[in-house]
Amino acid sequence: MSQSLARLHVHLVFSTKRRVPWLQEGIRSSMHAYLASVLKDMDCPASLINSVEDHVHILFALGRTTALSVAVEQLKKTSSKWVKTQGLDFAGFGWQAGYGAFSVSESNVATVRRYIADQRAHHQAKTFEDELRALLERHGVEFDERYVWD
């Protein structure tokens, strides 16, 4: 094959440092737009971005020449700097050190989009910690509780 072709969907989840509820209504939509622009610049177009006060979910297509770890690092680093420019109230903002990333088959994209869109409803009954544990278990990711939370 003379061409390199790929379509890899990623469901990315990460929280604010120590789950501080920084992502209030006043900043949320602007932050989503900023995250989408960072991904677009990396040739990793976002399909959907949604968040609640303490964490964000992103469904995006990983660019064929972009490593996942590089995309996440760039996304978190630049968005953290951007959030801190949004006023003195955000001077202490930070993202958690880690993240959860899960592959999504083309046939499950619509289901994951609905899941991400319904974050507010999910978190009326489930904490971020419980949600992430369930995602890790569903995707067969082994983890040690001592190193997941910061």
C-alpha atoms as a PDB file:
ATOM      1  CA  MET A   1       0.000   0.000   0.000  1.00  0.00           C
ATOM      2  CA  SER A   2       1.523   3.292  -1.045  1.00  0.00           C
ATOM      3  CA  GLN A   3      -0.617   5.371   1.315  1.00  0.00           C
ATOM      4  CA  SER A   4      -0.884   5.328   5.100  1.00  0.00           C
ATOM      5  CA  LEU A   5      -4.534   5.448   6.104  1.00  0.00           C
ATOM      6  CA  ALA A   6      -6.077   5.357   9.561  1.00  0.00           C
ATOM      7  CA  ARG A   7      -9.192   6.290  11.503  1.00  0.00           C
ATOM      8  CA  LEU A   8      -8.735   5.869  15.244  1.00  0.00           C
ATOM      9  CA  HIS A   9     -11.374   7.227  17.604  1.00  0.00           C
ATOM     10  CA  VAL A  10     -10.286   7.948  21.175  1.00  0.00           C
ATOM     11  CA  HIS A  11     -12.431   8.589  24.251  1.00  0.00           C
ATOM     12  CA  LEU A  12     -10.180  10.678  26.498  1.00  0.00           C
ATOM     13  CA  VAL A  13     -10.984  11.445  30.139  1.00  0.00           C
ATOM     14  CA  PHE A  14      -9.056  13.536  32.627  1.00  0.00           C
ATOM     15  CA  SER A  15      -9.879  15.569  35.688  1.00  0.00           C
ATOM     16  CA  THR A  16      -8.817  18.750  37.345  1.00  0.00           C
ATOM     17  CA  LYS A  17      -6.071  18.334  39.905  1.00  0.00           C
ATOM     18  CA  ARG A  18      -7.564  16.863  43.093  1.00  0.00           C
ATOM     19  CA  ARG A  19     -10.987  17.107  41.397  1.00  0.00           C
ATOM     20  CA  VAL A  20     -11.331  20.793  42.315  1.00  0.00           C
ATOM     21  CA  PRO A  21     -14.559  22.037  40.634  1.00  0.00           C
ATOM     22  CA  TRP A  22     -12.909  24.640  38.376  1.00  0.00           C
ATOM     23  CA  LEU A  23     -15.046  23.966  35.308  1.00  0.00           C
ATOM     24  CA  GLN A  24     -18.090  26.062  36.101  1.00  0.00           C
ATOM     25  CA  GLU A  25     -20.691  27.178  33.554  1.00  0.00           C
ATOM     26  CA  GLY A  26     -18.942  30.505  32.932  1.00  0.00           C
ATOM     27  CA  ILE A  27     -15.826  28.909  31.466  1.00  0.00           C
ATOM     28  CA  ARG A  28     -16.992  25.519  30.275  1.00  0.00           C
ATOM     29  CA  SER A  29     -18.124  26.281  26.712  1.00  0.00           C
ATOM     30  CA  SER A  30     -15.085  28.483  26.021  1.00  0.00           C
ATOM     31  CA  MET A  31     -12.804  25.765  27.341  1.00  0.00           C
ATOM     32  CA  HIS A  32     -14.486  23.168  25.115  1.00  0.00           C
ATOM     33  CA  ALA A  33     -13.938  25.424  22.100  1.00  0.00           C
ATOM     34  CA  TYR A  34     -10.312  25.954  23.076  1.00  0.00           C
ATOM     35  CA  LEU A  35      -9.713  22.209  23.480  1.00  0.00           C
ATOM     36  CA  ALA A  36     -11.313  21.595  20.070  1.00  0.00           C
ATOM     37  CA  SER A  37      -9.029  24.176  18.437  1.00  0.00           C
ATOM     38  CA  VAL A  38      -5.912  22.589  19.970  1.00  0.00           C
ATOM     39  CA  LEU A  39      -6.975  19.176  18.683  1.00  0.00           C
ATOM     40  CA  LYS A  40      -7.771  20.565  15.235  1.00  0.00           C
ATOM     41  CA  ASP A  41      -4.305  22.151  15.043  1.00  0.00           C
ATOM     42  CA  MET A  42      -2.807  18.697  15.705  1.00  0.00           C
ATOM     43  CA  ASP A  43      -4.943  17.122  12.958  1.00  0.00           C
ATOM     44  CA  CYS A  44      -6.948  15.307  15.654  1.00  0.00           C
ATOM     45  CA  PRO A  45     -10.464  16.653  15.114  1.00  0.00           C
ATOM     46  CA  ALA A  46     -12.833  16.528  18.066  1.00  0.00           C
ATOM     47  CA  SER A  47     -16.173  14.833  17.599  1.00  0.00           C
ATOM     48  CA  LEU A  48     -17.553  15.916  20.984  1.00  0.00           C
ATOM     49  CA  ILE A  49     -16.236  17.576  24.124  1.00  0.00           C
ATOM     50  CA  ASN A  50     -18.209  17.789  27.348  1.00  0.00           C
ATOM     51  CA  SER A  51     -17.386  18.296  30.980  1.00  0.00           C
ATOM     52  CA  VAL A  52     -18.733  18.689  34.441  1.00  0.00           C
ATOM     53  CA  GLU A  53     -17.153  20.760  37.175  1.00  0.00           C
ATOM     54  CA  ASP A  54     -14.186  18.475  37.835  1.00  0.00           C
ATOM     55  CA  HIS A  55     -13.432  16.542  34.647  1.00  0.00           C
ATOM     56  CA  VAL A  56     -13.669  16.473  30.879  1.00  0.00           C
ATOM     57  CA  HIS A  57     -14.553  13.833  28.270  1.00  0.00           C
ATOM     58  CA  ILE A  58     -13.319  14.194  24.704  1.00  0.00           C
ATOM     59  CA  LEU A  59     -14.105  12.024  21.700  1.00  0.00           C
ATOM     60  CA  PHE A  60     -11.655  12.712  18.887  1.00  0.00           C
ATOM     61  CA  ALA A  61      -9.989  11.129  15.886  1.00  0.00           C
ATOM     62  CA  LEU A  62      -6.290  10.601  16.526  1.00  0.00           C
ATOM     63  CA  GLY A  63      -4.257  11.932  13.615  1.00  0.00           C
ATOM     64  CA  ARG A  64      -2.300   9.195  11.884  1.00  0.00           C
ATOM     65  CA  THR A  65       1.057  10.855  12.617  1.00  0.00           C
ATOM     66  CA  THR A  66       0.285  11.914  16.189  1.00  0.00           C
ATOM     67  CA  ALA A  67       1.164   9.833  19.237  1.00  0.00           C
ATOM     68  CA  LEU A  68      -1.602   9.717  21.828  1.00  0.00           C
ATOM     69  CA  SER A  69       0.726  10.782  24.647  1.00  0.00           C
ATOM     70  CA  VAL A  70       1.894  13.803  22.632  1.00  0.00           C
ATOM     71  CA  ALA A  71      -1.681  14.837  21.834  1.00  0.00           C
ATOM     72  CA  VAL A  72      -2.738  14.584  25.483  1.00  0.00           C
ATOM     73  CA  GLU A  73       0.344  16.425  26.738  1.00  0.00           C
ATOM     74  CA  GLN A  74      -0.175  19.279  24.264  1.00  0.00           C
ATOM     75  CA  LEU A  75      -3.897  19.435  24.995  1.00  0.00           C
ATOM     76  CA  LYS A  76      -3.487  19.586  28.774  1.00  0.00           C
ATOM     77  CA  LYS A  77      -0.457  21.904  28.755  1.00  0.00           C
ATOM     78  CA  THR A  78      -1.885  24.526  26.423  1.00  0.00           C
ATOM     79  CA  SER A  79      -5.390  24.445  27.885  1.00  0.00           C
ATOM     80  CA  SER A  80      -4.039  24.790  31.427  1.00  0.00           C
ATOM     81  CA  LYS A  81      -2.129  27.903  30.372  1.00  0.00           C
ATOM     82  CA  TRP A  82      -5.241  29.233  28.625  1.00  0.00           C
ATOM     83  CA  VAL A  83      -7.507  28.658  31.657  1.00  0.00           C
ATOM     84  CA  LYS A  84      -5.054  30.601  33.840  1.00  0.00           C
ATOM     85  CA  THR A  85      -5.480  33.631  31.535  1.00  0.00           C
ATOM     86  CA  GLN A  86      -9.227  33.692  32.218  1.00  0.00           C
ATOM     87  CA  GLY A  87      -8.913  35.674  35.427  1.00  0.00           C
ATOM     88  CA  LEU A  88      -7.290  35.722  38.836  1.00  0.00           C
ATOM     89  CA  ASP A  89      -9.771  33.148  40.124  1.00  0.00           C
ATOM     90  CA  PHE A  90      -8.078  30.569  37.871  1.00  0.00           C
ATOM     91  CA  ALA A  91      -4.465  31.211  38.926  1.00  0.00           C
ATOM     92  CA  GLY A  92      -4.285  27.872  40.759  1.00  0.00           C
ATOM     93  CA  PHE A  93      -5.882  25.812  37.984  1.00  0.00           C
ATOM     94  CA  GLY A  94      -4.319  22.510  36.967  1.00  0.00           C
ATOM     95  CA  TRP A  95      -5.166  19.180  35.382  1.00  0.00           C
ATOM     96  CA  GLN A  96      -4.436  15.854  37.049  1.00  0.00           C
ATOM     97  CA  ALA A  97      -1.148  14.296  35.949  1.00  0.00           C
ATOM     98  CA  GLY A  98      -2.705  11.249  34.303  1.00  0.00           C
ATOM     99  CA  TYR A  99      -5.562  10.438  31.966  1.00  0.00           C
ATOM    100  CA  GLY A 100      -7.712   7.596  30.712  1.00  0.00           C
ATOM    101  CA  ALA A 101      -7.828   6.937  26.975  1.00  0.00           C
ATOM    102  CA  PHE A 102      -9.987   4.292  25.371  1.00  0.00           C
ATOM    103  CA  SER A 103     -10.301   3.148  21.775  1.00  0.00           C
ATOM    104  CA  VAL A 104     -13.731   3.437  20.213  1.00  0.00           C
ATOM    105  CA  SER A 105     -14.757   1.386  17.205  1.00  0.00           C
ATOM    106  CA  GLU A 106     -16.580   3.135  14.378  1.00  0.00           C
ATOM    107  CA  SER A 107     -19.712   1.159  15.269  1.00  0.00           C
ATOM    108  CA  ASN A 108     -19.674   2.556  18.842  1.00  0.00           C
ATOM    109  CA  VAL A 109     -19.005   6.228  18.084  1.00  0.00           C
ATOM    110  CA  ALA A 110     -22.688   7.219  18.375  1.00  0.00           C
ATOM    111  CA  THR A 111     -23.019   5.406  21.717  1.00  0.00           C
ATOM    112  CA  VAL A 112     -19.922   7.106  23.136  1.00  0.00           C
ATOM    113  CA  ARG A 113     -21.143  10.489  21.847  1.00  0.00           C
ATOM    114  CA  ARG A 114     -24.437   9.987  23.736  1.00  0.00           C
ATOM    115  CA  TYR A 115     -22.537   8.941  26.860  1.00  0.00           C
ATOM    116  CA  ILE A 116     -20.343  12.054  26.712  1.00  0.00           C
ATOM    117  CA  ALA A 117     -23.314  14.316  25.990  1.00  0.00           C
ATOM    118  CA  ASP A 118     -25.161  12.965  29.059  1.00  0.00           C
ATOM    119  CA  GLN A 119     -22.423  13.684  31.602  1.00  0.00           C
ATOM    120  CA  ARG A 120     -24.587  15.883  33.809  1.00  0.00           C
ATOM    121  CA  ALA A 121     -27.151  13.087  34.205  1.00  0.00           C
ATOM    122  CA  HIS A 122     -24.472  10.424  34.857  1.00  0.00           C
ATOM    123  CA  HIS A 123     -22.966  12.405  37.669  1.00  0.00           C
ATOM    124  CA  GLN A 124     -26.184  12.826  39.588  1.00  0.00           C
ATOM    125  CA  ALA A 125     -25.694   9.203  40.627  1.00  0.00           C
ATOM    126  CA  LYS A 126     -21.994   8.426  40.069  1.00  0.00           C
ATOM    127  CA  THR A 127     -18.762  10.143  41.104  1.00  0.00           C
ATOM    128  CA  PHE A 128     -15.888  10.736  38.711  1.00  0.00           C
ATOM    129  CA  GLU A 129     -13.881   8.117  40.570  1.00  0.00           C
ATOM    130  CA  ASP A 130     -16.620   5.498  40.148  1.00  0.00           C
ATOM    131  CA  GLU A 131     -17.066   6.452  36.494  1.00  0.00           C
ATOM    132  CA  LEU A 132     -13.347   6.128  35.727  1.00  0.00           C
ATOM    133  CA  ARG A 133     -13.096   2.806  37.572  1.00  0.00           C
ATOM    134  CA  ALA A 134     -16.002   1.482  35.480  1.00  0.00           C
ATOM    135  CA  LEU A 135     -14.401   2.685  32.224  1.00  0.00           C
ATOM    136  CA  LEU A 136     -11.055   1.127  33.150  1.00  0.00           C
ATOM    137  CA  GLU A 137     -12.712  -2.177  34.045  1.00  0.00           C
ATOM    138  CA  ARG A 138     -14.929  -2.197  30.928  1.00  0.00           C
ATOM    139  CA  HIS A 139     -11.845  -1.728  28.741  1.00  0.00           C
ATOM    140  CA  GLY A 140      -9.747  -4.289  30.605  1.00  0.00           C
ATOM    141  CA  VAL A 141      -7.208  -1.770  31.893  1.00  0.00           C
ATOM    142  CA  GLU A 142      -5.383  -2.944  34.996  1.00  0.00           C
ATOM    143  CA  PHE A 143      -4.775  -0.169  37.521  1.00  0.00           C
ATOM    144  CA  ASP A 144      -3.584   0.433  41.047  1.00  0.00           C
ATOM    145  CA  GLU A 145      -5.818   2.768  43.081  1.00  0.00           C
ATOM    146  CA  ARG A 146      -2.734   4.199  44.797  1.00  0.00           C
ATOM    147  CA  TYR A 147      -1.571   5.784  41.538  1.00  0.00           C
ATOM    148  CA  VAL A 148      -4.786   6.741  39.772  1.00  0.00           C
ATOM    149  CA  TRP A 149      -5.826   9.774  41.802  1.00  0.00           C
ATOM    150  CA  ASP A 150      -3.943  13.036  42.356  1.00  0.00           C
END
